[in-house]
Amino acid sequence: MLLNPFLVVVYLIDVMQKKESKTFRHVMLRAGIISTVVFCIFAILGDTVFSEIMQVEFASFQIFGGIVFLLIGLQFVFRGPQAIEILRGESEHLAGAIAMPILIGPGTISVSVLIGKRLDPMMAGISIFAAMAISIVIILLLKSLHDIVRTRHERLIQKYIEIAGRITALYVGTISIEMIMQGIRTWAGKF
């Protein structure tokens, strides 16, 4: 659900409008590869990344990630799709800017760690690859549909972006509070 392509395109609408299909396709494929590698690393190494490498608790990441997610959700409520442009900024390396903060975020990293805990490394990698591949393919199909429909139904697209943006903001806000609460519960359980 965190990689829901129908909601992710809301974050990508400015890029979809500015880039031609071939360029957009290459950027999304690179962003997908970057994201898949990062998710697989977190799935395989899991809590080790936090406890051994960063020397922090996973609960701390959940709380901080929840706060970041909450701020993104609030920005989206008040500024709409322009909020993600501000977060992503102008980047020479658009694939990396799309991978992080749009595809790779606190929620998707947390889910990757949980997938790694529940599945063996091979199945976790396959699951992550399949989810990313399906999401990227749907996003590319939506870009093609956007290019066809845009010339005739610009107002309809803007209405979809507005509605989907509000839904996304509610969803992101809800997930962020849940991440904060999970982090607090985990911390409280240690004492």
N, C-alpha and C. Protein backbone atom coordinates (compact mmCIF):
# COMPACT_ATOMS: atom_id res chain seq x y z
N MET A 1 0.82 -1.20 0.00
CA MET A 1 0.00 0.00 0.00
C MET A 1 0.86 1.26 0.00
N LEU A 2 2.04 1.20 0.62
CA LEU A 2 2.90 2.38 0.66
C LEU A 2 3.45 2.72 -0.71
N LEU A 3 3.46 1.76 -1.63
CA LEU A 3 3.91 2.00 -2.99
C LEU A 3 2.73 2.06 -3.96
N ASN A 4 1.58 2.43 -3.49
CA ASN A 4 0.39 2.50 -4.33
C ASN A 4 0.65 3.46 -5.49
N PRO A 5 0.79 2.93 -6.71
CA PRO A 5 1.14 3.78 -7.85
C PRO A 5 0.10 4.84 -8.17
N PHE A 6 -1.16 4.59 -7.84
CA PHE A 6 -2.21 5.57 -8.12
C PHE A 6 -2.07 6.80 -7.22
N LEU A 7 -1.47 6.61 -6.05
CA LEU A 7 -1.22 7.74 -5.17
C LEU A 7 0.18 8.32 -5.40
N VAL A 8 1.14 7.48 -5.77
CA VAL A 8 2.50 7.95 -6.03
C VAL A 8 2.52 8.93 -7.21
N VAL A 9 1.66 8.71 -8.21
CA VAL A 9 1.65 9.62 -9.36
C VAL A 9 1.26 11.04 -8.96
N VAL A 10 0.54 11.17 -7.85
CA VAL A 10 0.22 12.50 -7.36
C VAL A 10 1.51 13.24 -7.02
N TYR A 11 2.46 12.52 -6.43
CA TYR A 11 3.76 13.12 -6.10
C TYR A 11 4.60 13.39 -7.35
N LEU A 12 4.31 12.65 -8.41
CA LEU A 12 5.12 12.74 -9.64
C LEU A 12 4.47 13.59 -10.74
N ILE A 13 3.34 14.19 -10.48
CA ILE A 13 2.61 14.86 -11.55
C ILE A 13 3.43 15.94 -12.24
N ASP A 14 4.23 16.68 -11.50
CA ASP A 14 5.03 17.73 -12.13
C ASP A 14 6.08 17.12 -13.07
N VAL A 15 6.67 16.02 -12.67
CA VAL A 15 7.66 15.35 -13.52
C VAL A 15 6.97 14.74 -14.73
N MET A 16 5.79 14.16 -14.53
CA MET A 16 5.04 13.58 -15.64
C MET A 16 4.70 14.63 -16.68
N GLN A 17 4.39 15.83 -16.22
CA GLN A 17 4.01 16.89 -17.15
C GLN A 17 5.22 17.48 -17.86
N LYS A 18 6.37 17.51 -17.21
CA LYS A 18 7.55 18.16 -17.79
C LYS A 18 8.40 17.24 -18.66
N LYS A 19 8.37 15.94 -18.41
CA LYS A 19 9.26 15.02 -19.11
C LYS A 19 8.52 14.24 -20.19
N GLU A 20 9.20 14.02 -21.30
CA GLU A 20 8.62 13.17 -22.34
C GLU A 20 8.65 11.72 -21.88
N SER A 21 7.88 10.88 -22.51
CA SER A 21 7.70 9.50 -22.07
C SER A 21 9.01 8.73 -21.96
N LYS A 22 9.87 8.84 -22.94
CA LYS A 22 11.13 8.08 -22.93
C LYS A 22 12.00 8.49 -21.74
N THR A 23 12.14 9.78 -21.50
CA THR A 23 12.94 10.27 -20.39
C THR A 23 12.32 9.85 -19.06
N PHE A 24 11.00 10.00 -18.95
CA PHE A 24 10.30 9.61 -17.73
C PHE A 24 10.50 8.12 -17.46
N ARG A 25 10.40 7.30 -18.49
CA ARG A 25 10.57 5.85 -18.35
C ARG A 25 11.96 5.53 -17.80
N HIS A 26 13.01 6.15 -18.37
CA HIS A 26 14.37 5.89 -17.90
C HIS A 26 14.56 6.34 -16.45
N VAL A 27 14.01 7.50 -16.13
CA VAL A 27 14.13 8.02 -14.77
C VAL A 27 13.43 7.08 -13.78
N MET A 28 12.23 6.64 -14.12
CA MET A 28 11.47 5.76 -13.22
C MET A 28 12.15 4.40 -13.08
N LEU A 29 12.71 3.87 -14.15
CA LEU A 29 13.40 2.59 -14.05
C LEU A 29 14.62 2.70 -13.13
N ARG A 30 15.38 3.78 -13.28
CA ARG A 30 16.55 3.98 -12.39
C ARG A 30 16.09 4.19 -10.95
N ALA A 31 15.04 4.96 -10.74
CA ALA A 31 14.52 5.17 -9.39
C ALA A 31 14.03 3.84 -8.79
N GLY A 32 13.41 3.01 -9.62
CA GLY A 32 12.95 1.70 -9.17
C GLY A 32 14.10 0.79 -8.77
N ILE A 33 15.18 0.82 -9.56
CA ILE A 33 16.36 -0.01 -9.25
C ILE A 33 16.99 0.46 -7.94
N ILE A 34 17.17 1.77 -7.81
CA ILE A 34 17.75 2.32 -6.57
C ILE A 34 16.90 1.91 -5.37
N SER A 35 15.60 2.07 -5.49
CA SER A 35 14.69 1.74 -4.38
C SER A 35 14.72 0.26 -4.05
N THR A 36 14.71 -0.58 -5.08
CA THR A 36 14.72 -2.02 -4.85
C THR A 36 15.98 -2.45 -4.11
N VAL A 37 17.13 -1.91 -4.51
CA VAL A 37 18.38 -2.24 -3.84
C VAL A 37 18.34 -1.81 -2.37
N VAL A 38 17.89 -0.59 -2.12
CA VAL A 38 17.81 -0.09 -0.74
C VAL A 38 16.86 -0.95 0.09
N PHE A 39 15.69 -1.26 -0.47
CA PHE A 39 14.72 -2.07 0.27
C PHE A 39 15.28 -3.46 0.56
N CYS A 40 15.97 -4.05 -0.40
CA CYS A 40 16.55 -5.39 -0.19
C CYS A 40 17.62 -5.35 0.90
N ILE A 41 18.43 -4.31 0.91
CA ILE A 41 19.45 -4.17 1.95
C ILE A 41 18.79 -4.12 3.33
N PHE A 42 17.73 -3.31 3.46
CA PHE A 42 17.05 -3.22 4.75
C PHE A 42 16.32 -4.51 5.09
N ALA A 43 15.78 -5.21 4.10
CA ALA A 43 15.10 -6.48 4.36
C ALA A 43 16.09 -7.54 4.84
N ILE A 44 17.26 -7.57 4.22
CA ILE A 44 18.25 -8.60 4.57
C ILE A 44 18.96 -8.26 5.87
N LEU A 45 19.39 -7.03 6.00
CA LEU A 45 20.14 -6.64 7.20
C LEU A 45 19.23 -6.24 8.36
N GLY A 46 18.02 -5.78 8.04
CA GLY A 46 17.01 -5.46 9.05
C GLY A 46 17.50 -4.56 10.15
N ASP A 47 17.23 -4.99 11.37
CA ASP A 47 17.60 -4.20 12.55
C ASP A 47 19.11 -4.00 12.68
N THR A 48 19.90 -4.85 12.03
CA THR A 48 21.35 -4.72 12.10
C THR A 48 21.80 -3.36 11.59
N VAL A 49 21.15 -2.85 10.54
CA VAL A 49 21.49 -1.53 10.02
C VAL A 49 21.35 -0.49 11.12
N PHE A 50 20.31 -0.60 11.91
CA PHE A 50 20.06 0.38 12.96
C PHE A 50 20.92 0.10 14.19
N SER A 51 20.89 -1.14 14.69
CA SER A 51 21.57 -1.43 15.95
C SER A 51 23.08 -1.48 15.84
N GLU A 52 23.62 -2.06 14.77
CA GLU A 52 25.07 -2.23 14.65
C GLU A 52 25.75 -1.09 13.88
N ILE A 53 25.20 -0.73 12.75
CA ILE A 53 25.84 0.28 11.90
C ILE A 53 25.56 1.69 12.42
N MET A 54 24.29 2.00 12.62
CA MET A 54 23.93 3.35 13.07
C MET A 54 23.92 3.47 14.59
N GLN A 55 23.89 2.33 15.29
CA GLN A 55 23.85 2.24 16.74
C GLN A 55 22.68 3.02 17.33
N VAL A 56 21.52 2.77 16.76
CA VAL A 56 20.27 3.33 17.26
C VAL A 56 19.22 2.23 17.27
N GLU A 57 18.15 2.46 17.97
CA GLU A 57 17.04 1.52 18.01
C GLU A 57 16.14 1.73 16.80
N PHE A 58 15.57 0.66 16.29
CA PHE A 58 14.62 0.75 15.20
C PHE A 58 13.43 1.61 15.61
N ALA A 59 13.08 1.56 16.89
CA ALA A 59 11.97 2.38 17.39
C ALA A 59 12.24 3.87 17.19
N SER A 60 13.49 4.28 17.34
CA SER A 60 13.86 5.69 17.11
C SER A 60 13.60 6.08 15.67
N PHE A 61 13.95 5.17 14.76
CA PHE A 61 13.70 5.42 13.34
C PHE A 61 12.21 5.52 13.07
N GLN A 62 11.43 4.65 13.70
CA GLN A 62 9.99 4.70 13.50
C GLN A 62 9.40 6.03 13.98
N ILE A 63 9.85 6.49 15.12
CA ILE A 63 9.34 7.75 15.66
C ILE A 63 9.77 8.91 14.76
N PHE A 64 11.06 8.99 14.43
CA PHE A 64 11.53 10.08 13.58
C PHE A 64 10.89 10.00 12.20
N GLY A 65 10.83 8.80 11.64
CA GLY A 65 10.20 8.62 10.33
C GLY A 65 8.75 9.01 10.35
N GLY A 66 8.06 8.69 11.44
CA GLY A 66 6.67 9.09 11.58
C GLY A 66 6.51 10.60 11.62
N ILE A 67 7.43 11.28 12.29
CA ILE A 67 7.38 12.74 12.34
C ILE A 67 7.62 13.33 10.95
N VAL A 68 8.62 12.79 10.24
CA VAL A 68 8.90 13.26 8.88
C VAL A 68 7.69 13.03 7.99
N PHE A 69 7.13 11.84 8.06
CA PHE A 69 5.94 11.50 7.28
C PHE A 69 4.79 12.44 7.61
N LEU A 70 4.62 12.75 8.89
CA LEU A 70 3.56 13.65 9.32
C LEU A 70 3.76 15.04 8.71
N LEU A 71 4.99 15.52 8.72
CA LEU A 71 5.27 16.84 8.12
C LEU A 71 4.98 16.85 6.62
N ILE A 72 5.31 15.74 5.94
CA ILE A 72 5.02 15.63 4.51
C ILE A 72 3.50 15.67 4.30
N GLY A 73 2.78 14.90 5.10
CA GLY A 73 1.32 14.88 4.99
C GLY A 73 0.71 16.26 5.22
N LEU A 74 1.21 16.96 6.23
CA LEU A 74 0.70 18.30 6.52
C LEU A 74 1.03 19.27 5.38
N GLN A 75 2.24 19.18 4.84
CA GLN A 75 2.62 20.02 3.70
C GLN A 75 1.67 19.76 2.53
N PHE A 76 1.34 18.50 2.31
CA PHE A 76 0.47 18.15 1.20
C PHE A 76 -0.93 18.69 1.42
N VAL A 77 -1.41 18.67 2.68
CA VAL A 77 -2.74 19.21 2.99
C VAL A 77 -2.78 20.70 2.68
N PHE A 78 -1.73 21.43 3.07
CA PHE A 78 -1.75 22.88 2.94
C PHE A 78 -1.25 23.40 1.59
N ARG A 79 -0.38 22.66 0.93
CA ARG A 79 0.18 23.17 -0.32
C ARG A 79 -0.19 22.34 -1.54
N GLY A 80 -0.75 21.17 -1.33
CA GLY A 80 -1.11 20.32 -2.45
C GLY A 80 0.12 19.71 -3.11
N PRO A 81 0.01 19.34 -4.39
CA PRO A 81 1.10 18.66 -5.08
C PRO A 81 2.41 19.47 -5.13
N GLN A 82 2.34 20.78 -4.96
CA GLN A 82 3.56 21.59 -4.98
C GLN A 82 4.45 21.26 -3.79
N ALA A 83 3.89 20.68 -2.74
CA ALA A 83 4.68 20.33 -1.56
C ALA A 83 5.79 19.35 -1.90
N ILE A 84 5.50 18.39 -2.76
CA ILE A 84 6.52 17.40 -3.09
C ILE A 84 7.62 18.01 -3.94
N GLU A 85 7.27 18.99 -4.78
CA GLU A 85 8.31 19.69 -5.54
C GLU A 85 9.29 20.37 -4.60
N ILE A 86 8.76 20.96 -3.55
CA ILE A 86 9.60 21.63 -2.57
C ILE A 86 10.48 20.62 -1.86
N LEU A 87 9.91 19.48 -1.47
CA LEU A 87 10.69 18.44 -0.78
C LEU A 87 11.75 17.83 -1.69
N ARG A 88 11.38 17.58 -2.93
CA ARG A 88 12.31 16.94 -3.86
C ARG A 88 13.35 17.93 -4.36
N GLY A 89 12.93 19.17 -4.56
CA GLY A 89 13.84 20.21 -5.04
C GLY A 89 14.23 19.97 -6.48
N GLU A 90 15.00 20.88 -7.01
CA GLU A 90 15.53 20.73 -8.36
C GLU A 90 16.79 19.89 -8.26
N SER A 91 16.83 18.82 -8.99
CA SER A 91 17.95 17.90 -8.88
C SER A 91 18.50 17.56 -10.25
N GLU A 92 19.82 17.48 -10.32
CA GLU A 92 20.45 17.01 -11.55
C GLU A 92 20.18 15.53 -11.73
N HIS A 93 20.06 14.82 -10.63
CA HIS A 93 19.87 13.38 -10.65
C HIS A 93 18.43 13.08 -10.25
N LEU A 94 17.53 13.23 -11.20
CA LEU A 94 16.11 13.11 -10.94
C LEU A 94 15.73 11.73 -10.41
N ALA A 95 16.38 10.68 -10.91
CA ALA A 95 16.05 9.33 -10.45
C ALA A 95 16.29 9.20 -8.95
N GLY A 96 17.40 9.74 -8.47
CA GLY A 96 17.69 9.70 -7.04
C GLY A 96 16.72 10.55 -6.24
N ALA A 97 16.32 11.69 -6.80
CA ALA A 97 15.37 12.57 -6.13
C ALA A 97 13.98 11.95 -6.07
N ILE A 98 13.65 11.11 -7.05
CA ILE A 98 12.37 10.40 -7.02
C ILE A 98 12.46 9.22 -6.07
N ALA A 99 13.58 8.49 -6.15
CA ALA A 99 13.75 7.33 -5.26
C ALA A 99 13.63 7.76 -3.80
N MET A 100 14.30 8.86 -3.47
CA MET A 100 14.28 9.35 -2.09
C MET A 100 13.81 10.77 -2.10
N PRO A 101 12.73 11.17 -1.79
CA PRO A 101 11.80 10.86 -0.74
C PRO A 101 10.49 10.22 -1.20
N ILE A 102 10.30 9.98 -2.50
CA ILE A 102 8.99 9.50 -2.94
C ILE A 102 8.84 8.00 -2.75
N LEU A 103 9.78 7.21 -3.25
CA LEU A 103 9.67 5.76 -3.12
C LEU A 103 10.31 5.25 -1.82
N ILE A 104 11.48 5.77 -1.50
CA ILE A 104 12.17 5.36 -0.28
C ILE A 104 11.83 6.37 0.80
N GLY A 105 11.15 5.91 1.78
CA GLY A 105 10.79 6.79 2.89
C GLY A 105 10.73 5.98 4.17
N PRO A 106 10.40 6.62 5.25
CA PRO A 106 10.35 5.91 6.53
C PRO A 106 9.40 4.72 6.52
N GLY A 107 8.26 4.89 5.87
CA GLY A 107 7.27 3.81 5.84
C GLY A 107 7.74 2.61 5.04
N THR A 108 8.29 2.86 3.85
CA THR A 108 8.73 1.74 3.00
C THR A 108 9.97 1.06 3.57
N ILE A 109 10.84 1.82 4.23
CA ILE A 109 12.00 1.18 4.88
C ILE A 109 11.53 0.31 6.04
N SER A 110 10.59 0.83 6.82
CA SER A 110 10.05 0.04 7.94
C SER A 110 9.42 -1.25 7.44
N VAL A 111 8.65 -1.15 6.37
CA VAL A 111 8.01 -2.34 5.81
C VAL A 111 9.07 -3.31 5.29
N SER A 112 10.14 -2.79 4.70
CA SER A 112 11.23 -3.66 4.22
C SER A 112 11.86 -4.44 5.37
N VAL A 113 12.08 -3.76 6.49
CA VAL A 113 12.64 -4.44 7.66
C VAL A 113 11.68 -5.53 8.13
N LEU A 114 10.39 -5.22 8.17
CA LEU A 114 9.40 -6.21 8.61
C LEU A 114 9.31 -7.39 7.65
N ILE A 115 9.39 -7.11 6.34
CA ILE A 115 9.39 -8.19 5.36
C ILE A 115 10.58 -9.11 5.59
N GLY A 116 11.74 -8.50 5.86
CA GLY A 116 12.95 -9.28 6.14
C GLY A 116 12.82 -10.14 7.38
N LYS A 117 12.04 -9.69 8.37
CA LYS A 117 11.84 -10.47 9.59
C LYS A 117 10.90 -11.64 9.35
N ARG A 118 9.94 -11.43 8.46
CA ARG A 118 8.89 -12.45 8.26
C ARG A 118 9.23 -13.47 7.18
N LEU A 119 10.08 -13.09 6.22
CA LEU A 119 10.39 -13.99 5.11
C LEU A 119 11.88 -14.28 5.07
N ASP A 120 12.24 -15.40 4.45
CA ASP A 120 13.67 -15.66 4.27
C ASP A 120 14.20 -14.67 3.24
N PRO A 121 15.52 -14.43 3.22
CA PRO A 121 16.09 -13.39 2.35
C PRO A 121 15.70 -13.50 0.87
N MET A 122 15.66 -14.71 0.33
CA MET A 122 15.30 -14.89 -1.08
C MET A 122 13.86 -14.46 -1.35
N MET A 123 12.95 -14.91 -0.50
CA MET A 123 11.54 -14.54 -0.68
C MET A 123 11.30 -13.06 -0.43
N ALA A 124 12.03 -12.49 0.52
CA ALA A 124 11.92 -11.05 0.78
C ALA A 124 12.36 -10.27 -0.46
N GLY A 125 13.48 -10.66 -1.06
CA GLY A 125 13.97 -10.00 -2.27
C GLY A 125 13.00 -10.13 -3.43
N ILE A 126 12.45 -11.32 -3.60
CA ILE A 126 11.48 -11.55 -4.68
C ILE A 126 10.23 -10.70 -4.45
N SER A 127 9.76 -10.65 -3.21
CA SER A 127 8.56 -9.85 -2.89
C SER A 127 8.79 -8.37 -3.17
N ILE A 128 9.96 -7.89 -2.75
CA ILE A 128 10.28 -6.48 -2.97
C ILE A 128 10.41 -6.18 -4.46
N PHE A 129 11.11 -7.04 -5.17
CA PHE A 129 11.27 -6.84 -6.62
C PHE A 129 9.91 -6.84 -7.31
N ALA A 130 9.05 -7.79 -6.96
CA ALA A 130 7.73 -7.89 -7.60
C ALA A 130 6.90 -6.64 -7.31
N ALA A 131 6.90 -6.19 -6.05
CA ALA A 131 6.13 -4.99 -5.69
C ALA A 131 6.63 -3.77 -6.44
N MET A 132 7.95 -3.61 -6.52
CA MET A 132 8.52 -2.47 -7.24
C MET A 132 8.22 -2.56 -8.73
N ALA A 133 8.39 -3.73 -9.31
CA ALA A 133 8.15 -3.89 -10.75
C ALA A 133 6.70 -3.57 -11.09
N ILE A 134 5.78 -4.10 -10.32
CA ILE A 134 4.36 -3.83 -10.57
C ILE A 134 4.07 -2.33 -10.42
N SER A 135 4.60 -1.72 -9.38
CA SER A 135 4.37 -0.29 -9.15
C SER A 135 4.93 0.56 -10.29
N ILE A 136 6.15 0.27 -10.72
CA ILE A 136 6.78 1.05 -11.80
C ILE A 136 6.01 0.87 -13.11
N VAL A 137 5.61 -0.35 -13.41
CA VAL A 137 4.85 -0.60 -14.65
C VAL A 137 3.53 0.18 -14.62
N ILE A 138 2.83 0.16 -13.50
CA ILE A 138 1.57 0.89 -13.40
C ILE A 138 1.81 2.40 -13.52
N ILE A 139 2.87 2.90 -12.89
CA ILE A 139 3.19 4.34 -13.00
C ILE A 139 3.48 4.71 -14.45
N LEU A 140 4.21 3.85 -15.17
CA LEU A 140 4.51 4.13 -16.58
C LEU A 140 3.24 4.09 -17.43
N LEU A 141 2.35 3.16 -17.12
CA LEU A 141 1.06 3.11 -17.83
C LEU A 141 0.23 4.36 -17.53
N LEU A 142 0.25 4.80 -16.29
CA LEU A 142 -0.47 6.02 -15.93
C LEU A 142 0.12 7.24 -16.63
N LYS A 143 1.43 7.27 -16.81
CA LYS A 143 2.08 8.36 -17.56
C LYS A 143 1.58 8.36 -19.00
N SER A 144 1.50 7.17 -19.62
CA SER A 144 1.00 7.08 -21.00
C SER A 144 -0.45 7.55 -21.07
N LEU A 145 -1.25 7.12 -20.12
CA LEU A 145 -2.65 7.55 -20.07
C LEU A 145 -2.74 9.05 -19.85
N HIS A 146 -1.90 9.57 -18.97
CA HIS A 146 -1.85 11.01 -18.70
C HIS A 146 -1.56 11.78 -19.98
N ASP A 147 -0.57 11.33 -20.76
CA ASP A 147 -0.20 12.03 -21.99
C ASP A 147 -1.34 12.03 -23.01
N ILE A 148 -2.10 10.95 -23.05
CA ILE A 148 -3.22 10.86 -23.99
C ILE A 148 -4.38 11.76 -23.54
N VAL A 149 -4.71 11.68 -22.27
CA VAL A 149 -5.88 12.38 -21.74
C VAL A 149 -5.61 13.86 -21.49
N ARG A 150 -4.38 14.21 -21.22
CA ARG A 150 -4.04 15.57 -20.80
C ARG A 150 -4.53 16.64 -21.78
N THR A 151 -4.34 16.43 -23.05
CA THR A 151 -4.69 17.47 -24.02
C THR A 151 -6.19 17.75 -24.05
N ARG A 152 -7.01 16.73 -23.81
CA ARG A 152 -8.45 16.91 -23.90
C ARG A 152 -9.13 17.12 -22.55
N HIS A 153 -8.52 16.64 -21.48
CA HIS A 153 -9.20 16.65 -20.19
C HIS A 153 -8.30 17.18 -19.06
N GLU A 154 -7.70 18.31 -19.29
CA GLU A 154 -6.79 18.91 -18.30
C GLU A 154 -7.50 19.15 -16.96
N ARG A 155 -8.73 19.64 -16.99
CA ARG A 155 -9.47 19.91 -15.75
C ARG A 155 -9.76 18.62 -14.99
N LEU A 156 -10.06 17.54 -15.70
CA LEU A 156 -10.32 16.26 -15.06
C LEU A 156 -9.07 15.74 -14.35
N ILE A 157 -7.92 15.88 -15.00
CA ILE A 157 -6.66 15.46 -14.39
C ILE A 157 -6.39 16.28 -13.13
N GLN A 158 -6.58 17.58 -13.21
CA GLN A 158 -6.34 18.43 -12.05
C GLN A 158 -7.28 18.07 -10.90
N LYS A 159 -8.52 17.73 -11.22
CA LYS A 159 -9.48 17.32 -10.20
C LYS A 159 -9.03 16.01 -9.55
N TYR A 160 -8.56 15.06 -10.37
CA TYR A 160 -8.04 13.79 -9.83
C TYR A 160 -6.87 14.05 -8.90
N ILE A 161 -5.94 14.91 -9.33
CA ILE A 161 -4.77 15.22 -8.52
C ILE A 161 -5.20 15.84 -7.19
N GLU A 162 -6.17 16.73 -7.23
CA GLU A 162 -6.66 17.37 -6.01
C GLU A 162 -7.29 16.35 -5.06
N ILE A 163 -8.16 15.49 -5.59
CA ILE A 163 -8.83 14.48 -4.76
C ILE A 163 -7.83 13.45 -4.26
N ALA A 164 -7.00 12.92 -5.16
CA ALA A 164 -6.01 11.92 -4.77
C ALA A 164 -5.01 12.52 -3.79
N GLY A 165 -4.69 13.79 -3.96
CA GLY A 165 -3.77 14.45 -3.04
C GLY A 165 -4.33 14.52 -1.64
N ARG A 166 -5.60 14.82 -1.51
CA ARG A 166 -6.23 14.87 -0.18
C ARG A 166 -6.27 13.48 0.45
N ILE A 167 -6.60 12.48 -0.36
CA ILE A 167 -6.61 11.10 0.14
C ILE A 167 -5.20 10.71 0.57
N THR A 168 -4.22 11.04 -0.24
CA THR A 168 -2.82 10.73 0.08
C THR A 168 -2.43 11.40 1.38
N ALA A 169 -2.79 12.65 1.55
CA ALA A 169 -2.43 13.38 2.77
C ALA A 169 -3.05 12.71 4.00
N LEU A 170 -4.31 12.30 3.90
CA LEU A 170 -4.95 11.60 5.02
C LEU A 170 -4.26 10.27 5.31
N TYR A 171 -3.95 9.55 4.27
CA TYR A 171 -3.28 8.26 4.43
C TYR A 171 -1.89 8.44 5.04
N VAL A 172 -1.11 9.37 4.49
CA VAL A 172 0.24 9.61 5.00
C VAL A 172 0.18 10.06 6.46
N GLY A 173 -0.75 10.92 6.79
CA GLY A 173 -0.89 11.37 8.17
C GLY A 173 -1.24 10.22 9.11
N THR A 174 -2.14 9.35 8.67
CA THR A 174 -2.54 8.20 9.48
C THR A 174 -1.37 7.24 9.68
N ILE A 175 -0.64 6.95 8.60
CA ILE A 175 0.52 6.05 8.70
C ILE A 175 1.58 6.67 9.60
N SER A 176 1.77 7.97 9.51
CA SER A 176 2.80 8.62 10.33
C SER A 176 2.47 8.50 11.81
N ILE A 177 1.23 8.72 12.17
CA ILE A 177 0.83 8.58 13.58
C ILE A 177 1.02 7.14 14.03
N GLU A 178 0.68 6.18 13.18
CA GLU A 178 0.86 4.77 13.52
C GLU A 178 2.34 4.43 13.73
N MET A 179 3.21 4.98 12.87
CA MET A 179 4.65 4.74 13.03
C MET A 179 5.15 5.32 14.35
N ILE A 180 4.71 6.51 14.68
CA ILE A 180 5.11 7.13 15.94
C ILE A 180 4.63 6.28 17.12
N MET A 181 3.38 5.84 17.06
CA MET A 181 2.83 5.03 18.15
C MET A 181 3.54 3.69 18.27
N GLN A 182 3.87 3.05 17.14
CA GLN A 182 4.61 1.78 17.19
C GLN A 182 5.98 1.98 17.81
N GLY A 183 6.65 3.06 17.44
CA GLY A 183 7.95 3.37 18.01
C GLY A 183 7.86 3.59 19.51
N ILE A 184 6.85 4.34 19.94
CA ILE A 184 6.68 4.61 21.37
C ILE A 184 6.37 3.31 22.11
N ARG A 185 5.48 2.47 21.55
CA ARG A 185 5.17 1.18 22.19
C ARG A 185 6.41 0.31 22.32
N THR A 186 7.24 0.30 21.28
CA THR A 186 8.46 -0.50 21.32
C THR A 186 9.40 0.03 22.39
N TRP A 187 9.58 1.34 22.46
CA TRP A 187 10.42 1.94 23.49
C TRP A 187 9.86 1.65 24.86
N ALA A 188 8.56 1.81 25.04
CA ALA A 188 7.95 1.60 26.35
C ALA A 188 8.08 0.15 26.79
N GLY A 189 8.07 -0.78 25.84
CA GLY A 189 8.20 -2.19 26.15
C GLY A 189 9.58 -2.57 26.67
N LYS A 190 10.57 -1.73 26.46
CA LYS A 190 11.92 -2.02 26.92
C LYS A 190 12.13 -1.67 28.38
N PHE A 191 11.19 -0.91 28.95
CA PHE A 191 11.36 -0.47 30.34
C PHE A 191 10.44 -1.20 31.27
